[in-house]
PDB file of N, CA and C in Angstrom:
ATOM      1  N   MET A   1      26.375-100.611 -22.773  1.00  0.00           N
ATOM      2  CA  MET A   1      26.564-101.412 -23.963  1.00  0.00           C
ATOM      3  C   MET A   1      25.199-101.938 -24.416  1.00  0.00           C
ATOM      4  N   LEU A   2      24.952-101.822 -25.679  1.00  0.00           N
ATOM      5  CA  LEU A   2      23.707-102.332 -26.248  1.00  0.00           C
ATOM      6  C   LEU A   2      23.743-103.852 -26.340  1.00  0.00           C
ATOM      7  N   LEU A   3      22.589-104.455 -26.183  1.00  0.00           N
ATOM      8  CA  LEU A   3      22.495-105.909 -26.264  1.00  0.00           C
ATOM      9  C   LEU A   3      22.990-106.421 -27.607  1.00  0.00           C
ATOM     10  N   SER A   4      22.661-105.723 -28.681  1.00  0.00           N
ATOM     11  CA  SER A   4      23.096-106.174 -30.006  1.00  0.00           C
ATOM     12  C   SER A   4      24.617-106.209 -30.101  1.00  0.00           C
ATOM     13  N   SER A   5      25.284-105.238 -29.508  1.00  0.00           N
ATOM     14  CA  SER A   5      26.747-105.209 -29.507  1.00  0.00           C
ATOM     15  C   SER A   5      27.308-106.360 -28.672  1.00  0.00           C
ATOM     16  N   LEU A   6      26.683-106.612 -27.539  1.00  0.00           N
ATOM     17  CA  LEU A   6      27.110-107.722 -26.684  1.00  0.00           C
ATOM     18  C   LEU A   6      26.995-109.041 -27.433  1.00  0.00           C
ATOM     19  N   LEU A   7      25.886-109.243 -28.104  1.00  0.00           N
ATOM     20  CA  LEU A   7      25.665-110.498 -28.825  1.00  0.00           C
ATOM     21  C   LEU A   7      26.622-110.654 -30.011  1.00  0.00           C
ATOM     22  N   GLU A   8      26.880-109.570 -30.703  1.00  0.00           N
ATOM     23  CA  GLU A   8      27.775-109.622 -31.862  1.00  0.00           C
ATOM     24  C   GLU A   8      29.208-109.934 -31.452  1.00  0.00           C
ATOM     25  N   ASN A   9      29.634-109.427 -30.303  1.00  0.00           N
ATOM     26  CA  ASN A   9      31.020-109.585 -29.866  1.00  0.00           C
ATOM     27  C   ASN A   9      31.233-110.777 -28.939  1.00  0.00           C
ATOM     28  N   CYS A  10      30.207-111.536 -28.708  1.00  0.00           N
ATOM     29  CA  CYS A  10      30.294-112.696 -27.834  1.00  0.00           C
ATOM     30  C   CYS A  10      31.067-113.811 -28.539  1.00  0.00           C
ATOM     31  N   PRO A  11      31.958-114.489 -27.830  1.00  0.00           N
ATOM     32  CA  PRO A  11      32.689-115.603 -28.457  1.00  0.00           C
ATOM     33  C   PRO A  11      31.726-116.693 -28.946  1.00  0.00           C
ATOM     34  N   ASP A  12      32.077-117.315 -30.068  1.00  0.00           N
ATOM     35  CA  ASP A  12      31.226-118.342 -30.680  1.00  0.00           C
ATOM     36  C   ASP A  12      30.975-119.522 -29.756  1.00  0.00           C
ATOM     37  N   ASN A  13      31.960-119.872 -28.920  1.00  0.00           N
ATOM     38  CA  ASN A  13      31.774-121.030 -28.033  1.00  0.00           C
ATOM     39  C   ASN A  13      30.748-120.749 -26.941  1.00  0.00           C
ATOM     40  N   ILE A  14      30.405-119.497 -26.729  1.00  0.00           N
ATOM     41  CA  ILE A  14      29.335-119.123 -25.799  1.00  0.00           C
ATOM     42  C   ILE A  14      28.049-118.864 -26.583  1.00  0.00           C
ATOM     43  N   LYS A  15      28.185-118.153 -27.691  1.00  0.00           N
ATOM     44  CA  LYS A  15      27.027-117.777 -28.505  1.00  0.00           C
ATOM     45  C   LYS A  15      26.230-118.996 -28.991  1.00  0.00           C
ATOM     46  N   LYS A  16      26.890-120.116 -29.190  1.00  0.00           N
ATOM     47  CA  LYS A  16      26.192-121.302 -29.695  1.00  0.00           C
ATOM     48  C   LYS A  16      25.151-121.826 -28.706  1.00  0.00           C
ATOM     49  N   TYR A  17      25.236-121.399 -27.460  1.00  0.00           N
ATOM     50  CA  TYR A  17      24.273-121.837 -26.453  1.00  0.00           C
ATOM     51  C   TYR A  17      23.099-120.878 -26.283  1.00  0.00           C
ATOM     52  N   PHE A  18      23.108-119.759 -26.986  1.00  0.00           N
ATOM     53  CA  PHE A  18      22.007-118.797 -26.881  1.00  0.00           C
ATOM     54  C   PHE A  18      20.746-119.392 -27.479  1.00  0.00           C
ATOM     55  N   ILE A  19      19.646-119.192 -26.796  1.00  0.00           N
ATOM     56  CA  ILE A  19      18.342-119.645 -27.271  1.00  0.00           C
ATOM     57  C   ILE A  19      17.373-118.487 -27.120  1.00  0.00           C
ATOM     58  N   ARG A  20      16.628-118.207 -28.146  1.00  0.00           N
ATOM     59  CA  ARG A  20      15.579-117.186 -28.048  1.00  0.00           C
ATOM     60  C   ARG A  20      14.316-117.873 -27.569  1.00  0.00           C
ATOM     61  N   LYS A  21      13.756-117.369 -26.510  1.00  0.00           N
ATOM     62  CA  LYS A  21      12.556-117.965 -25.944  1.00  0.00           C
ATOM     63  C   LYS A  21      11.540-116.871 -25.685  1.00  0.00           C
ATOM     64  N   ARG A  22      10.312-117.147 -26.047  1.00  0.00           N
ATOM     65  CA  ARG A  22       9.218-116.207 -25.810  1.00  0.00           C
ATOM     66  C   ARG A  22       8.382-116.714 -24.651  1.00  0.00           C
ATOM     67  N   PHE A  23       7.951-115.792 -23.817  1.00  0.00           N
ATOM     68  CA  PHE A  23       7.103-116.128 -22.691  1.00  0.00           C
ATOM     69  C   PHE A  23       5.762-115.435 -22.865  1.00  0.00           C
ATOM     70  N   LYS A  24       4.711-116.118 -22.469  1.00  0.00           N
ATOM     71  CA  LYS A  24       3.377-115.532 -22.527  1.00  0.00           C
ATOM     72  C   LYS A  24       3.168-114.614 -21.328  1.00  0.00           C
ATOM     73  N   LYS A  25       2.299-113.643 -21.490  1.00  0.00           N
ATOM     74  CA  LYS A  25       1.979-112.739 -20.401  1.00  0.00           C
ATOM     75  C   LYS A  25       1.519-113.551 -19.190  1.00  0.00           C
ATOM     76  N   GLY A  26       2.120-113.261 -18.043  1.00  0.00           N
ATOM     77  CA  GLY A  26       1.769-113.944 -16.810  1.00  0.00           C
ATOM     78  C   GLY A  26       2.540-115.236 -16.554  1.00  0.00           C
ATOM     79  N   GLU A  27       3.287-115.691 -17.558  1.00  0.00           N
ATOM     80  CA  GLU A  27       4.058-116.925 -17.404  1.00  0.00           C
ATOM     81  C   GLU A  27       5.295-116.662 -16.540  1.00  0.00           C
ATOM     82  N   SER A  28       5.601-117.576 -15.638  1.00  0.00           N
ATOM     83  CA  SER A  28       6.784-117.436 -14.787  1.00  0.00           C
ATOM     84  C   SER A  28       8.040-117.812 -15.556  1.00  0.00           C
ATOM     85  N   ILE A  29       9.098-117.059 -15.315  1.00  0.00           N
ATOM     86  CA  ILE A  29      10.396-117.348 -15.928  1.00  0.00           C
ATOM     87  C   ILE A  29      11.271-118.083 -14.918  1.00  0.00           C
ATOM     88  N   ILE A  30      11.406-117.529 -13.740  1.00  0.00           N
ATOM     89  CA  ILE A  30      12.157-118.150 -12.649  1.00  0.00           C
ATOM     90  C   ILE A  30      11.280-118.082 -11.409  1.00  0.00           C
ATOM     91  N   LEU A  31      11.206-119.183 -10.678  1.00  0.00           N
ATOM     92  CA  LEU A  31      10.413-119.214  -9.463  1.00  0.00           C
ATOM     93  C   LEU A  31      11.298-119.027  -8.237  1.00  0.00           C
ATOM     94  N   GLN A  32      10.761-118.378  -7.252  1.00  0.00           N
ATOM     95  CA  GLN A  32      11.476-118.142  -6.007  1.00  0.00           C
ATOM     96  C   GLN A  32      11.994-119.469  -5.448  1.00  0.00           C
ATOM     97  N   GLY A  33      13.268-119.495  -5.091  1.00  0.00           N
ATOM     98  CA  GLY A  33      13.874-120.697  -4.536  1.00  0.00           C
ATOM     99  C   GLY A  33      14.539-121.588  -5.569  1.00  0.00           C
ATOM    100  N   ASP A  34      14.275-121.347  -6.858  1.00  0.00           N
ATOM    101  CA  ASP A  34      14.918-122.135  -7.914  1.00  0.00           C
ATOM    102  C   ASP A  34      16.388-121.746  -8.045  1.00  0.00           C
ATOM    103  N   ASN A  35      17.195-122.697  -8.407  1.00  0.00           N
ATOM    104  CA  ASN A  35      18.597-122.434  -8.737  1.00  0.00           C
ATOM    105  C   ASN A  35      18.724-122.526 -10.249  1.00  0.00           C
ATOM    106  N   ASP A  36      18.423-121.440 -10.910  1.00  0.00           N
ATOM    107  CA  ASP A  36      18.463-121.433 -12.370  1.00  0.00           C
ATOM    108  C   ASP A  36      19.903-121.291 -12.835  1.00  0.00           C
ATOM    109  N   ARG A  37      20.227-121.924 -13.936  1.00  0.00           N
ATOM    110  CA  ARG A  37      21.589-121.854 -14.452  1.00  0.00           C
ATOM    111  C   ARG A  37      21.663-121.083 -15.763  1.00  0.00           C
ATOM    112  N   TYR A  38      20.678-120.254 -15.996  1.00  0.00           N
ATOM    113  CA  TYR A  38      20.624-119.484 -17.234  1.00  0.00           C
ATOM    114  C   TYR A  38      20.688-117.993 -16.937  1.00  0.00           C
ATOM    115  N   ILE A  39      21.024-117.233 -17.951  1.00  0.00           N
ATOM    116  CA  ILE A  39      20.969-115.778 -17.921  1.00  0.00           C
ATOM    117  C   ILE A  39      19.899-115.375 -18.919  1.00  0.00           C
ATOM    118  N   TYR A  40      19.051-114.448 -18.535  1.00  0.00           N
ATOM    119  CA  TYR A  40      17.978-113.990 -19.412  1.00  0.00           C
ATOM    120  C   TYR A  40      18.207-112.535 -19.783  1.00  0.00           C
ATOM    121  N   PHE A  41      18.017-112.223 -21.065  1.00  0.00           N
ATOM    122  CA  PHE A  41      18.065-110.857 -21.563  1.00  0.00           C
ATOM    123  C   PHE A  41      16.654-110.495 -21.998  1.00  0.00           C
ATOM    124  N   ILE A  42      16.173-109.350 -21.564  1.00  0.00           N
ATOM    125  CA  ILE A  42      14.866-108.882 -22.015  1.00  0.00           C
ATOM    126  C   ILE A  42      15.086-108.162 -23.338  1.00  0.00           C
ATOM    127  N   ILE A  43      14.535-108.705 -24.397  1.00  0.00           N
ATOM    128  CA  ILE A  43      14.677-108.087 -25.715  1.00  0.00           C
ATOM    129  C   ILE A  43      13.471-107.191 -25.995  1.00  0.00           C
ATOM    130  N   LYS A  44      12.305-107.651 -25.589  1.00  0.00           N
ATOM    131  CA  LYS A  44      11.092-106.878 -25.801  1.00  0.00           C
ATOM    132  C   LYS A  44      10.098-107.259 -24.719  1.00  0.00           C
ATOM    133  N   GLY A  45       9.462-106.278 -24.149  1.00  0.00           N
ATOM    134  CA  GLY A  45       8.427-106.554 -23.165  1.00  0.00           C
ATOM    135  C   GLY A  45       8.746-106.006 -21.790  1.00  0.00           C
ATOM    136  N   ARG A  46       8.008-106.512 -20.820  1.00  0.00           N
ATOM    137  CA  ARG A  46       8.125-106.028 -19.452  1.00  0.00           C
ATOM    138  C   ARG A  46       7.974-107.211 -18.500  1.00  0.00           C
ATOM    139  N   ILE A  47       8.803-107.237 -17.452  1.00  0.00           N
ATOM    140  CA  ILE A  47       8.690-108.294 -16.456  1.00  0.00           C
ATOM    141  C   ILE A  47       8.534-107.692 -15.070  1.00  0.00           C
ATOM    142  N   LYS A  48       7.873-108.446 -14.217  1.00  0.00           N
ATOM    143  CA  LYS A  48       7.673-108.034 -12.831  1.00  0.00           C
ATOM    144  C   LYS A  48       8.540-108.931 -11.957  1.00  0.00           C
ATOM    145  N   ILE A  49       9.356-108.300 -11.117  1.00  0.00           N
ATOM    146  CA  ILE A  49      10.188-109.035 -10.168  1.00  0.00           C
ATOM    147  C   ILE A  49       9.501-108.936  -8.814  1.00  0.00           C
ATOM    148  N   PHE A  50       9.181-110.082  -8.230  1.00  0.00           N
ATOM    149  CA  PHE A  50       8.492-110.046  -6.945  1.00  0.00           C
ATOM    150  C   PHE A  50       8.910-111.220  -6.076  1.00  0.00           C
ATOM    151  N   SER A  51       8.639-111.082  -4.808  1.00  0.00           N
ATOM    152  CA  SER A  51       8.909-112.118  -3.828  1.00  0.00           C
ATOM    153  C   SER A  51       7.578-112.559  -3.233  1.00  0.00           C
ATOM    154  N   ILE A  52       7.493-113.827  -2.901  1.00  0.00           N
ATOM    155  CA  ILE A  52       6.292-114.344  -2.243  1.00  0.00           C
ATOM    156  C   ILE A  52       6.564-114.355  -0.737  1.00  0.00           C
ATOM    157  N   LEU A  53       5.743-113.654   0.010  1.00  0.00           N
ATOM    158  CA  LEU A  53       5.877-113.583   1.460  1.00  0.00           C
ATOM    159  C   LEU A  53       5.336-114.859   2.096  1.00  0.00           C
ATOM    160  N   PRO A  54       5.704-115.129   3.338  1.00  0.00           N
ATOM    161  CA  PRO A  54       5.241-116.354   4.002  1.00  0.00           C
ATOM    162  C   PRO A  54       3.714-116.517   4.009  1.00  0.00           C
ATOM    163  N   ASP A  55       2.981-115.397   3.996  1.00  0.00           N
ATOM    164  CA  ASP A  55       1.517-115.490   3.975  1.00  0.00           C
ATOM    165  C   ASP A  55       0.955-115.676   2.565  1.00  0.00           C
ATOM    166  N   GLY A  56       1.860-115.810   1.557  1.00  0.00           N
ATOM    167  CA  GLY A  56       1.437-116.035   0.183  1.00  0.00           C
ATOM    168  C   GLY A  56       1.241-114.768  -0.628  1.00  0.00           C
ATOM    169  N   GLU A  57       1.368-113.620   0.000  1.00  0.00           N
ATOM    170  CA  GLU A  57       1.186-112.343  -0.698  1.00  0.00           C
ATOM    171  C   GLU A  57       2.421-112.016  -1.533  1.00  0.00           C
ATOM    172  N   GLN A  58       2.196-111.376  -2.688  1.00  0.00           N
ATOM    173  CA  GLN A  58       3.301-110.940  -3.544  1.00  0.00           C
ATOM    174  C   GLN A  58       3.814-109.588  -3.066  1.00  0.00           C
ATOM    175  N   TYR A  59       5.150-109.475  -2.944  1.00  0.00           N
ATOM    176  CA  TYR A  59       5.784-108.212  -2.633  1.00  0.00           C
ATOM    177  C   TYR A  59       6.570-107.814  -3.887  1.00  0.00           C
ATOM    178  N   ILE A  60       6.084-106.793  -4.603  1.00  0.00           N
ATOM    179  CA  ILE A  60       6.717-106.383  -5.865  1.00  0.00           C
ATOM    180  C   ILE A  60       8.001-105.634  -5.566  1.00  0.00           C
ATOM    181  N   LEU A  61       9.101-106.097  -6.151  1.00  0.00           N
ATOM    182  CA  LEU A  61      10.398-105.466  -5.971  1.00  0.00           C
ATOM    183  C   LEU A  61      10.653-104.407  -7.035  1.00  0.00           C
ATOM    184  N   THR A  62      10.374-104.739  -8.293  1.00  0.00           N
ATOM    185  CA  THR A  62      10.584-103.791  -9.378  1.00  0.00           C
ATOM    186  C   THR A  62       9.976-104.340 -10.671  1.00  0.00           C
ATOM    187  N   TYR A  63       9.944-103.507 -11.679  1.00  0.00           N
ATOM    188  CA  TYR A  63       9.558-103.889 -13.036  1.00  0.00           C
ATOM    189  C   TYR A  63      10.766-103.595 -13.946  1.00  0.00           C
ATOM    190  N   LEU A  64      11.004-104.443 -14.911  1.00  0.00           N
ATOM    191  CA  LEU A  64      12.048-104.223 -15.905  1.00  0.00           C
ATOM    192  C   LEU A  64      11.423-104.306 -17.276  1.00  0.00           C
ATOM    193  N   SER A  65      11.882-103.465 -18.183  1.00  0.00           N
ATOM    194  CA  SER A  65      11.321-103.494 -19.533  1.00  0.00           C
ATOM    195  C   SER A  65      12.397-103.185 -20.570  1.00  0.00           C
ATOM    196  N   ALA A  66      12.084-103.556 -21.790  1.00  0.00           N
ATOM    197  CA  ALA A  66      12.981-103.290 -22.916  1.00  0.00           C
ATOM    198  C   ALA A  66      12.149-102.859 -24.098  1.00  0.00           C
TER     199      ALA A  66
END
């Protein structure tokens, strides 16, 4: 299902809470250990999903793009 179709068919009582937010390159969206209560849709761009190891090193899990 395309994102545009999902958004068009979403009930109004849910759609009213949608917010378009832009992130700068390198800006964190969700930090490891956070309990975020939002759902994010990638409309344009690319994100890196990674975990921080106990020694502080980044372990890249995957990249997602739209």
